[in-house]
PDB file of N, CA and C in Angstrom:
ATOM      1  N   UNK A   1     -11.829   4.352   5.044  1.00  0.00           N
ATOM      2  CA  UNK A   1     -10.486   5.014   4.250  1.00  0.00           C
ATOM      3  C   UNK A   1     -10.308   3.995   3.118  1.00  0.00           C
ATOM      4  N   UNK A   2     -10.439   2.698   3.109  1.00  0.00           N
ATOM      5  CA  UNK A   2     -10.158   1.880   2.109  1.00  0.00           C
ATOM      6  C   UNK A   2     -11.304   2.370   1.062  1.00  0.00           C
ATOM      7  N   UNK A   3     -12.526   2.617   1.380  1.00  0.00           N
ATOM      8  CA  UNK A   3     -13.559   2.914   0.462  1.00  0.00           C
ATOM      9  C   UNK A   3     -13.020   4.219  -0.561  1.00  0.00           C
ATOM     10  N   UNK A   4     -12.594   5.279   0.218  1.00  0.00           N
ATOM     11  CA  UNK A   4     -12.133   6.060  -0.268  1.00  0.00           C
ATOM     12  C   UNK A   4     -10.673   5.917  -1.098  1.00  0.00           C
ATOM     13  N   UNK A   5     -10.062   5.211  -0.597  1.00  0.00           N
ATOM     14  CA  UNK A   5      -8.585   4.722  -1.671  1.00  0.00           C
ATOM     15  C   UNK A   5      -9.001   4.206  -2.788  1.00  0.00           C
ATOM     16  N   UNK A   6     -10.398   3.419  -2.809  1.00  0.00           N
ATOM     17  CA  UNK A   6     -10.761   2.818  -4.211  1.00  0.00           C
ATOM     18  C   UNK A   6     -11.254   3.799  -5.011  1.00  0.00           C
ATOM     19  N   UNK A   7     -11.877   4.961  -4.622  1.00  0.00           N
ATOM     20  CA  UNK A   7     -12.152   5.913  -5.287  1.00  0.00           C
ATOM     21  C   UNK A   7     -10.812   6.798  -6.070  1.00  0.00           C
ATOM     22  N   UNK A   8      -9.798   6.921  -5.227  1.00  0.00           N
ATOM     23  CA  UNK A   8      -8.799   7.384  -5.814  1.00  0.00           C
ATOM     24  C   UNK A   8      -7.443   6.884  -5.584  1.00  0.00           C
ATOM     25  N   UNK A   9      -6.614   7.079  -6.268  1.00  0.00           N
ATOM     26  CA  UNK A   9      -5.313   6.284  -6.263  1.00  0.00           C
ATOM     27  C   UNK A   9      -4.270   7.530  -5.513  1.00  0.00           C
ATOM     28  N   UNK A  10      -4.742   8.443  -5.102  1.00  0.00           N
ATOM     29  CA  UNK A  10      -3.793   9.690  -4.517  1.00  0.00           C
ATOM     30  C   UNK A  10      -3.823   9.626  -3.073  1.00  0.00           C
ATOM     31  N   UNK A  11      -2.748   9.327  -2.619  1.00  0.00           N
ATOM     32  CA  UNK A  11      -2.328   9.226  -1.222  1.00  0.00           C
ATOM     33  C   UNK A  11      -2.433  10.672  -0.522  1.00  0.00           C
ATOM     34  N   UNK A  12      -2.095  11.570  -1.375  1.00  0.00           N
ATOM     35  CA  UNK A  12      -2.060  12.738  -0.728  1.00  0.00           C
ATOM     36  C   UNK A  12      -3.497  13.288  -0.215  1.00  0.00           C
ATOM     37  N   UNK A  13      -4.503  12.744  -1.257  1.00  0.00           N
ATOM     38  CA  UNK A  13      -5.889  13.071  -0.754  1.00  0.00           C
ATOM     39  C   UNK A  13      -6.192  12.559   0.414  1.00  0.00           C
ATOM     40  N   UNK A  14      -5.735  11.170   0.630  1.00  0.00           N
ATOM     41  CA  UNK A  14      -6.321  10.752   1.834  1.00  0.00           C
ATOM     42  C   UNK A  14      -5.577  11.252   3.120  1.00  0.00           C
ATOM     43  N   UNK A  15      -4.306  11.762   2.919  1.00  0.00           N
ATOM     44  CA  UNK A  15      -3.631  12.523   3.941  1.00  0.00           C
ATOM     45  C   UNK A  15      -4.276  13.798   4.322  1.00  0.00           C
ATOM     46  N   UNK A  16      -4.807  14.554   3.370  1.00  0.00           N
ATOM     47  CA  UNK A  16      -5.548  15.711   3.790  1.00  0.00           C
ATOM     48  C   UNK A  16      -6.798  15.471   4.264  1.00  0.00           C
ATOM     49  N   UNK A  17      -7.613  14.474   3.714  1.00  0.00           N
ATOM     50  CA  UNK A  17      -8.670  14.138   3.963  1.00  0.00           C
ATOM     51  C   UNK A  17      -8.962  13.418   5.670  1.00  0.00           C
ATOM     52  N   UNK A  18      -8.069  12.726   5.847  1.00  0.00           N
ATOM     53  CA  UNK A  18      -8.260  11.766   7.130  1.00  0.00           C
ATOM     54  C   UNK A  18      -7.156  12.060   8.064  1.00  0.00           C
ATOM     55  N   UNK A  19      -6.204  13.114   7.694  1.00  0.00           N
ATOM     56  CA  UNK A  19      -5.245  13.252   8.511  1.00  0.00           C
ATOM     57  C   UNK A  19      -4.051  12.436   9.140  1.00  0.00           C
ATOM     58  N   UNK A  20      -3.860  11.418   8.103  1.00  0.00           N
ATOM     59  CA  UNK A  20      -3.239  10.121   8.396  1.00  0.00           C
ATOM     60  C   UNK A  20      -1.754  10.523   7.889  1.00  0.00           C
ATOM     61  N   UNK A  21      -0.763   9.725   8.601  1.00  0.00           N
ATOM     62  CA  UNK A  21       0.623   9.669   7.947  1.00  0.00           C
ATOM     63  C   UNK A  21       0.689   9.196   6.574  1.00  0.00           C
ATOM     64  N   UNK A  22       1.475   9.844   5.881  1.00  0.00           N
ATOM     65  CA  UNK A  22       1.646   9.559   4.142  1.00  0.00           C
ATOM     66  C   UNK A  22       2.011   8.142   4.114  1.00  0.00           C
ATOM     67  N   UNK A  23       2.911   7.534   4.775  1.00  0.00           N
ATOM     68  CA  UNK A  23       3.089   6.072   4.682  1.00  0.00           C
ATOM     69  C   UNK A  23       2.102   5.271   4.914  1.00  0.00           C
ATOM     70  N   UNK A  24       1.097   5.726   5.661  1.00  0.00           N
ATOM     71  CA  UNK A  24      -0.205   4.903   6.034  1.00  0.00           C
ATOM     72  C   UNK A  24      -0.986   5.088   4.631  1.00  0.00           C
ATOM     73  N   UNK A  25      -1.172   6.089   4.135  1.00  0.00           N
ATOM     74  CA  UNK A  25      -2.050   6.608   2.940  1.00  0.00           C
ATOM     75  C   UNK A  25      -1.370   5.674   1.935  1.00  0.00           C
ATOM     76  N   UNK A  26      -0.487   5.716   1.729  1.00  0.00           N
ATOM     77  CA  UNK A  26       0.420   5.034   0.670  1.00  0.00           C
ATOM     78  C   UNK A  26      -0.074   3.418   0.656  1.00  0.00           C
ATOM     79  N   UNK A  27      -0.003   2.960   1.777  1.00  0.00           N
ATOM     80  CA  UNK A  27      -0.273   1.386   2.042  1.00  0.00           C
ATOM     81  C   UNK A  27      -1.931   1.331   1.761  1.00  0.00           C
ATOM     82  N   UNK A  28      -2.587   2.147   2.133  1.00  0.00           N
ATOM     83  CA  UNK A  28      -4.271   2.095   1.705  1.00  0.00           C
ATOM     84  C   UNK A  28      -4.179   2.104   0.123  1.00  0.00           C
ATOM     85  N   UNK A  29      -3.588   2.771  -0.290  1.00  0.00           N
ATOM     86  CA  UNK A  29      -3.674   3.170  -1.951  1.00  0.00           C
ATOM     87  C   UNK A  29      -3.150   1.861  -2.583  1.00  0.00           C
ATOM     88  N   UNK A  30      -2.092   1.223  -1.953  1.00  0.00           N
ATOM     89  CA  UNK A  30      -1.589  -0.121  -2.512  1.00  0.00           C
ATOM     90  C   UNK A  30      -2.715  -1.223  -2.348  1.00  0.00           C
ATOM     91  N   UNK A  31      -3.259  -1.264  -1.224  1.00  0.00           N
ATOM     92  CA  UNK A  31      -4.198  -2.162  -1.120  1.00  0.00           C
ATOM     93  C   UNK A  31      -5.234  -2.205  -1.930  1.00  0.00           C
ATOM     94  N   UNK A  32      -5.804  -0.926  -2.338  1.00  0.00           N
ATOM     95  CA  UNK A  32      -6.838  -0.672  -2.960  1.00  0.00           C
ATOM     96  C   UNK A  32      -6.875  -1.045  -4.363  1.00  0.00           C
ATOM     97  N   UNK A  33      -5.493  -0.669  -4.785  1.00  0.00           N
ATOM     98  CA  UNK A  33      -5.041  -0.689  -6.457  1.00  0.00           C
ATOM     99  C   UNK A  33      -3.788  -1.443  -6.627  1.00  0.00           C
ATOM    100  N   UNK A  34      -3.904  -2.604  -6.217  1.00  0.00           N
ATOM    101  CA  UNK A  34      -2.502  -3.605  -6.433  1.00  0.00           C
ATOM    102  C   UNK A  34      -1.892  -3.325  -7.874  1.00  0.00           C
ATOM    103  N   UNK A  35      -2.501  -3.080  -8.742  1.00  0.00           N
ATOM    104  CA  UNK A  35      -2.235  -3.101 -10.100  1.00  0.00           C
ATOM    105  C   UNK A  35      -1.412  -1.876 -10.414  1.00  0.00           C
ATOM    106  N   UNK A  36      -1.404  -0.677  -9.590  1.00  0.00           N
ATOM    107  CA  UNK A  36      -1.053   0.573  -9.775  1.00  0.00           C
ATOM    108  C   UNK A  36       0.285   0.684  -8.749  1.00  0.00           C
ATOM    109  N   UNK A  37       0.381  -0.299  -7.963  1.00  0.00           N
ATOM    110  CA  UNK A  37       1.611  -0.121  -6.995  1.00  0.00           C
ATOM    111  C   UNK A  37       3.016  -0.125  -7.450  1.00  0.00           C
ATOM    112  N   UNK A  38       3.779   0.958  -7.096  1.00  0.00           N
ATOM    113  CA  UNK A  38       5.079   0.904  -7.573  1.00  0.00           C
ATOM    114  C   UNK A  38       5.877  -0.273  -6.682  1.00  0.00           C
ATOM    115  N   UNK A  39       7.022  -0.865  -7.076  1.00  0.00           N
ATOM    116  CA  UNK A  39       7.733  -1.655  -6.418  1.00  0.00           C
ATOM    117  C   UNK A  39       8.267  -1.140  -5.185  1.00  0.00           C
ATOM    118  N   UNK A  40       8.390  -1.709  -3.963  1.00  0.00           N
ATOM    119  CA  UNK A  40       8.961  -1.369  -2.826  1.00  0.00           C
ATOM    120  C   UNK A  40      10.447  -0.928  -2.924  1.00  0.00           C
ATOM    121  N   UNK A  41      10.960   0.392  -2.584  1.00  0.00           N
ATOM    122  CA  UNK A  41      12.441   0.706  -2.484  1.00  0.00           C
ATOM    123  C   UNK A  41      12.783   0.604  -1.189  1.00  0.00           C
ATOM    124  N   UNK A  42      14.091  -0.583  -1.073  1.00  0.00           N
ATOM    125  CA  UNK A  42      14.564  -0.934   0.180  1.00  0.00           C
ATOM    126  C   UNK A  42      15.847  -0.187   0.193  1.00  0.00           C
TER     127      UNK A  42
END
């Protein structure tokens, strides 16, 4: 999944491809692209 996240910064793509929770997909994208991560909203 991390390899796929490195290819795309689209968490929706990961959700559809792997059937994972959207929050999990966002964490993978943040891990693969830390420069594109948005600040965490609390």
